[in-house]
PDB file of all heavy atoms in Angstrom:
ATOM      1  N   ALA A   1       0.547  -8.488  10.169  1.00  0.00           N
ATOM      2  CA  ALA A   1       0.878  -9.823   9.691  1.00  0.00           C
ATOM      3  C   ALA A   1       1.965  -9.748   8.644  1.00  0.00           C
ATOM      4  O   ALA A   1       2.858 -10.654   8.560  1.00  0.00           O
ATOM      5  CB  ALA A   1      -0.348 -10.557   9.114  1.00  0.00           C
ATOM      6  N   LEU A   2       2.002  -8.729   7.829  1.00  0.00           N
ATOM      7  CA  LEU A   2       2.986  -8.537   6.796  1.00  0.00           C
ATOM      8  C   LEU A   2       4.311  -8.008   7.380  1.00  0.00           C
ATOM      9  O   LEU A   2       5.390  -8.112   6.726  1.00  0.00           O
ATOM     10  CB  LEU A   2       2.513  -7.583   5.694  1.00  0.00           C
ATOM     11  CG  LEU A   2       1.532  -8.115   4.720  1.00  0.00           C
ATOM     12  CD1 LEU A   2       1.000  -6.981   3.831  1.00  0.00           C
ATOM     13  CD2 LEU A   2       2.108  -9.187   3.782  1.00  0.00           C
ATOM     14  N   GLY A   3       4.239  -7.419   8.547  1.00  0.00           N
ATOM     15  CA  GLY A   3       5.432  -6.726   9.156  1.00  0.00           C
ATOM     16  C   GLY A   3       5.710  -5.414   8.458  1.00  0.00           C
ATOM     17  O   GLY A   3       6.864  -5.021   8.328  1.00  0.00           O
ATOM     18  N   CYS A   4       4.621  -4.675   8.007  1.00  0.00           N
ATOM     19  CA  CYS A   4       4.793  -3.454   7.259  1.00  0.00           C
ATOM     20  C   CYS A   4       4.221  -2.298   8.074  1.00  0.00           C
ATOM     21  O   CYS A   4       3.348  -2.514   8.947  1.00  0.00           O
ATOM     22  CB  CYS A   4       4.053  -3.522   5.914  1.00  0.00           C
ATOM     23  SG  CYS A   4       4.756  -4.761   4.780  1.00  0.00           S
ATOM     24  N   ASP A   5       4.716  -1.074   7.769  1.00  0.00           N
ATOM     25  CA  ASP A   5       4.162   0.065   8.450  1.00  0.00           C
ATOM     26  C   ASP A   5       3.042   0.822   7.649  1.00  0.00           C
ATOM     27  O   ASP A   5       2.454   1.768   8.144  1.00  0.00           O
ATOM     28  CB  ASP A   5       5.260   1.096   8.817  1.00  0.00           C
ATOM     29  CG  ASP A   5       5.999   1.600   7.580  1.00  0.00           C
ATOM     30  OD1 ASP A   5       5.475   1.452   6.460  1.00  0.00           O
ATOM     31  OD2 ASP A   5       7.074   2.225   7.793  1.00  0.00           O
ATOM     32  N   GLY A   6       2.788   0.348   6.486  1.00  0.00           N
ATOM     33  CA  GLY A   6       1.696   0.941   5.675  1.00  0.00           C
ATOM     34  C   GLY A   6       2.197   2.017   4.699  1.00  0.00           C
ATOM     35  O   GLY A   6       1.425   2.496   3.875  1.00  0.00           O
ATOM     36  N   GLU A   7       3.449   2.444   4.789  1.00  0.00           N
ATOM     37  CA  GLU A   7       3.895   3.509   3.919  1.00  0.00           C
ATOM     38  C   GLU A   7       4.575   2.962   2.685  1.00  0.00           C
ATOM     39  O   GLU A   7       4.962   3.728   1.772  1.00  0.00           O
ATOM     40  CB  GLU A   7       4.905   4.354   4.696  1.00  0.00           C
ATOM     41  CG  GLU A   7       4.266   5.138   5.830  1.00  0.00           C
ATOM     42  CD  GLU A   7       3.082   5.983   5.439  1.00  0.00           C
ATOM     43  OE1 GLU A   7       3.191   6.709   4.474  1.00  0.00           O
ATOM     44  OE2 GLU A   7       2.012   5.816   6.106  1.00  0.00           O
ATOM     45  N   GLU A   8       4.749   1.606   2.541  1.00  0.00           N
ATOM     46  CA  GLU A   8       5.394   1.038   1.447  1.00  0.00           C
ATOM     47  C   GLU A   8       4.602   1.346   0.133  1.00  0.00           C
ATOM     48  O   GLU A   8       3.390   1.201   0.115  1.00  0.00           O
ATOM     49  CB  GLU A   8       5.516  -0.459   1.597  1.00  0.00           C
ATOM     50  CG  GLU A   8       6.360  -0.887   2.777  1.00  0.00           C
ATOM     51  CD  GLU A   8       5.653  -0.902   4.121  1.00  0.00           C
ATOM     52  OE1 GLU A   8       4.469  -0.426   4.165  1.00  0.00           O
ATOM     53  OE2 GLU A   8       6.280  -1.299   5.130  1.00  0.00           O
ATOM     54  N   ALA A   9       5.313   1.752  -0.889  1.00  0.00           N
ATOM     55  CA  ALA A   9       4.625   2.040  -2.184  1.00  0.00           C
ATOM     56  C   ALA A   9       4.341   0.689  -2.917  1.00  0.00           C
ATOM     57  O   ALA A   9       5.176  -0.126  -3.022  1.00  0.00           O
ATOM     58  CB  ALA A   9       5.519   2.898  -3.045  1.00  0.00           C
ATOM     59  N   VAL A  10       3.066   0.548  -3.347  1.00  0.00           N
ATOM     60  CA  VAL A  10       2.643  -0.670  -4.006  1.00  0.00           C
ATOM     61  C   VAL A  10       1.791  -0.294  -5.265  1.00  0.00           C
ATOM     62  O   VAL A  10       1.186   0.777  -5.314  1.00  0.00           O
ATOM     63  CB  VAL A  10       1.816  -1.546  -3.076  1.00  0.00           C
ATOM     64  CG1 VAL A  10       2.618  -2.055  -1.919  1.00  0.00           C
ATOM     65  CG2 VAL A  10       0.532  -0.816  -2.615  1.00  0.00           C
ATOM     66  N   PRO A  11       1.786  -1.169  -6.250  1.00  0.00           N
ATOM     67  CA  PRO A  11       0.927  -0.892  -7.451  1.00  0.00           C
ATOM     68  C   PRO A  11      -0.533  -1.122  -7.132  1.00  0.00           C
ATOM     69  O   PRO A  11      -0.904  -2.035  -6.379  1.00  0.00           O
ATOM     70  CB  PRO A  11       1.425  -1.903  -8.435  1.00  0.00           C
ATOM     71  CG  PRO A  11       1.963  -3.076  -7.586  1.00  0.00           C
ATOM     72  CD  PRO A  11       2.525  -2.456  -6.388  1.00  0.00           C
ATOM     73  N   THR A  12      -1.401  -0.293  -7.710  1.00  0.00           N
ATOM     74  CA  THR A  12      -2.901  -0.507  -7.587  1.00  0.00           C
ATOM     75  C   THR A  12      -3.482  -0.165  -8.945  1.00  0.00           C
ATOM     76  O   THR A  12      -2.835   0.444  -9.812  1.00  0.00           O
ATOM     77  CB  THR A  12      -3.454   0.496  -6.532  1.00  0.00           C
ATOM     78  OG1 THR A  12      -3.573   1.807  -7.078  1.00  0.00           O
ATOM     79  CG2 THR A  12      -2.672   0.466  -5.281  1.00  0.00           C
ATOM     80  N   PRO A  13      -4.759  -0.445  -9.127  1.00  0.00           N
ATOM     81  CA  PRO A  13      -5.451  -0.066 -10.391  1.00  0.00           C
ATOM     82  C   PRO A  13      -5.446   1.442 -10.599  1.00  0.00           C
ATOM     83  O   PRO A  13      -5.579   1.950 -11.712  1.00  0.00           O
ATOM     84  CB  PRO A  13      -6.839  -0.606 -10.169  1.00  0.00           C
ATOM     85  CG  PRO A  13      -6.675  -1.757  -9.253  1.00  0.00           C
ATOM     86  CD  PRO A  13      -5.626  -1.337  -8.321  1.00  0.00           C
ATOM     87  N   ALA A  14      -5.292   2.221  -9.459  1.00  0.00           N
ATOM     88  CA  ALA A  14      -5.277   3.645  -9.561  1.00  0.00           C
ATOM     89  C   ALA A  14      -3.890   4.273  -9.644  1.00  0.00           C
ATOM     90  O   ALA A  14      -3.703   5.486  -9.504  1.00  0.00           O
ATOM     91  CB  ALA A  14      -6.086   4.243  -8.370  1.00  0.00           C
ATOM     92  N   GLY A  15      -2.863   3.424  -9.822  1.00  0.00           N
ATOM     93  CA  GLY A  15      -1.516   3.875  -9.816  1.00  0.00           C
ATOM     94  C   GLY A  15      -0.820   3.528  -8.512  1.00  0.00           C
ATOM     95  O   GLY A  15      -1.379   2.866  -7.633  1.00  0.00           O
ATOM     96  N   GLU A  16       0.406   3.918  -8.348  1.00  0.00           N
ATOM     97  CA  GLU A  16       1.178   3.581  -7.146  1.00  0.00           C
ATOM     98  C   GLU A  16       0.655   4.343  -5.925  1.00  0.00           C
ATOM     99  O   GLU A  16       0.447   5.581  -5.956  1.00  0.00           O
ATOM    100  CB  GLU A  16       2.680   3.900  -7.364  1.00  0.00           C
ATOM    101  CG  GLU A  16       3.525   3.270  -6.290  1.00  0.00           C
ATOM    102  CD  GLU A  16       5.034   3.450  -6.616  1.00  0.00           C
ATOM    103  OE1 GLU A  16       5.590   4.561  -6.309  1.00  0.00           O
ATOM    104  OE2 GLU A  16       5.616   2.557  -7.238  1.00  0.00           O
ATOM    105  N   LEU A  17       0.419   3.617  -4.798  1.00  0.00           N
ATOM    106  CA  LEU A  17      -0.115   4.211  -3.600  1.00  0.00           C
ATOM    107  C   LEU A  17       0.581   3.636  -2.366  1.00  0.00           C
ATOM    108  O   LEU A  17       1.094   2.544  -2.460  1.00  0.00           O
ATOM    109  CB  LEU A  17      -1.632   3.989  -3.468  1.00  0.00           C
ATOM    110  CG  LEU A  17      -2.564   4.711  -4.469  1.00  0.00           C
ATOM    111  CD1 LEU A  17      -4.007   4.187  -4.255  1.00  0.00           C
ATOM    112  CD2 LEU A  17      -2.493   6.180  -4.306  1.00  0.00           C
ATOM    113  N   PRO A  18       0.568   4.306  -1.193  1.00  0.00           N
ATOM    114  CA  PRO A  18       1.035   3.714   0.029  1.00  0.00           C
ATOM    115  C   PRO A  18       0.184   2.474   0.353  1.00  0.00           C
ATOM    116  O   PRO A  18      -1.021   2.456   0.072  1.00  0.00           O
ATOM    117  CB  PRO A  18       0.811   4.797   1.038  1.00  0.00           C
ATOM    118  CG  PRO A  18       0.757   6.058   0.306  1.00  0.00           C
ATOM    119  CD  PRO A  18       0.153   5.721  -1.029  1.00  0.00           C
ATOM    120  N   LEU A  19       0.831   1.466   0.900  1.00  0.00           N
ATOM    121  CA  LEU A  19       0.207   0.207   1.153  1.00  0.00           C
ATOM    122  C   LEU A  19      -1.132   0.347   2.010  1.00  0.00           C
ATOM    123  O   LEU A  19      -2.124  -0.286   1.715  1.00  0.00           O
ATOM    124  CB  LEU A  19       1.162  -0.747   1.899  1.00  0.00           C
ATOM    125  CG  LEU A  19       0.586  -2.117   2.241  1.00  0.00           C
ATOM    126  CD1 LEU A  19       0.134  -2.874   1.072  1.00  0.00           C
ATOM    127  CD2 LEU A  19       1.681  -2.927   2.993  1.00  0.00           C
ATOM    128  N   ARG A  20      -1.054   1.141   3.042  1.00  0.00           N
ATOM    129  CA  ARG A  20      -2.266   1.319   3.939  1.00  0.00           C
ATOM    130  C   ARG A  20      -3.434   1.841   3.116  1.00  0.00           C
ATOM    131  O   ARG A  20      -4.563   1.266   3.225  1.00  0.00           O
ATOM    132  CB  ARG A  20      -1.954   2.280   5.080  1.00  0.00           C
ATOM    133  CG  ARG A  20      -3.161   2.365   6.073  1.00  0.00           C
ATOM    134  CD  ARG A  20      -2.852   3.385   7.166  1.00  0.00           C
ATOM    135  NE  ARG A  20      -1.632   3.050   7.893  1.00  0.00           N
ATOM    136  CZ  ARG A  20      -1.595   2.183   8.959  1.00  0.00           C
ATOM    137  NH1 ARG A  20      -2.735   1.581   9.350  1.00  0.00           N
ATOM    138  NH2 ARG A  20      -0.442   1.952   9.569  1.00  0.00           N
ATOM    139  N   ARG A  21      -3.263   2.840   2.271  1.00  0.00           N
ATOM    140  CA  ARG A  21      -4.316   3.363   1.498  1.00  0.00           C
ATOM    141  C   ARG A  21      -4.815   2.319   0.437  1.00  0.00           C
ATOM    142  O   ARG A  21      -5.991   2.185   0.161  1.00  0.00           O
ATOM    143  CB  ARG A  21      -3.922   4.644   0.816  1.00  0.00           C
ATOM    144  CG  ARG A  21      -5.071   5.245   0.008  1.00  0.00           C
ATOM    145  CD  ARG A  21      -4.605   6.532  -0.688  1.00  0.00           C
ATOM    146  NE  ARG A  21      -5.646   7.034  -1.621  1.00  0.00           N
ATOM    147  CZ  ARG A  21      -5.491   8.029  -2.433  1.00  0.00           C
ATOM    148  NH1 ARG A  21      -4.314   8.732  -2.443  1.00  0.00           N
ATOM    149  NH2 ARG A  21      -6.426   8.419  -3.268  1.00  0.00           N
ATOM    150  N   ALA A  22      -3.907   1.665  -0.138  1.00  0.00           N
ATOM    151  CA  ALA A  22      -4.208   0.619  -1.117  1.00  0.00           C
ATOM    152  C   ALA A  22      -5.103  -0.444  -0.515  1.00  0.00           C
ATOM    153  O   ALA A  22      -6.101  -0.929  -1.123  1.00  0.00           O
ATOM    154  CB  ALA A  22      -2.959   0.028  -1.715  1.00  0.00           C
ATOM    155  N   LEU A  23      -4.781  -0.937   0.702  1.00  0.00           N
ATOM    156  CA  LEU A  23      -5.561  -1.914   1.347  1.00  0.00           C
ATOM    157  C   LEU A  23      -6.925  -1.403   1.803  1.00  0.00           C
ATOM    158  O   LEU A  23      -7.827  -2.118   1.925  1.00  0.00           O
ATOM    159  CB  LEU A  23      -4.823  -2.517   2.563  1.00  0.00           C
ATOM    160  CG  LEU A  23      -3.495  -3.265   2.299  1.00  0.00           C
ATOM    161  CD1 LEU A  23      -2.839  -3.728   3.577  1.00  0.00           C
ATOM    162  CD2 LEU A  23      -3.774  -4.466   1.387  1.00  0.00           C
ATOM    163  N   THR A  24      -6.977  -0.120   2.085  1.00  0.00           N
ATOM    164  CA  THR A  24      -8.242   0.462   2.501  1.00  0.00           C
ATOM    165  C   THR A  24      -9.225   0.730   1.337  1.00  0.00           C
ATOM    166  O   THR A  24     -10.400   0.436   1.459  1.00  0.00           O
ATOM    167  CB  THR A  24      -7.958   1.824   3.197  1.00  0.00           C
ATOM    168  OG1 THR A  24      -7.083   1.652   4.375  1.00  0.00           O
ATOM    169  CG2 THR A  24      -9.244   2.481   3.681  1.00  0.00           C
TER     170      THR A  24
END
């Protein structure tokens, strides 16, 4: 839905992570 491949770096409470892992 976002048009992303999941490798995009995003902020999380645990620090910057790939989007797929962050969403998981």
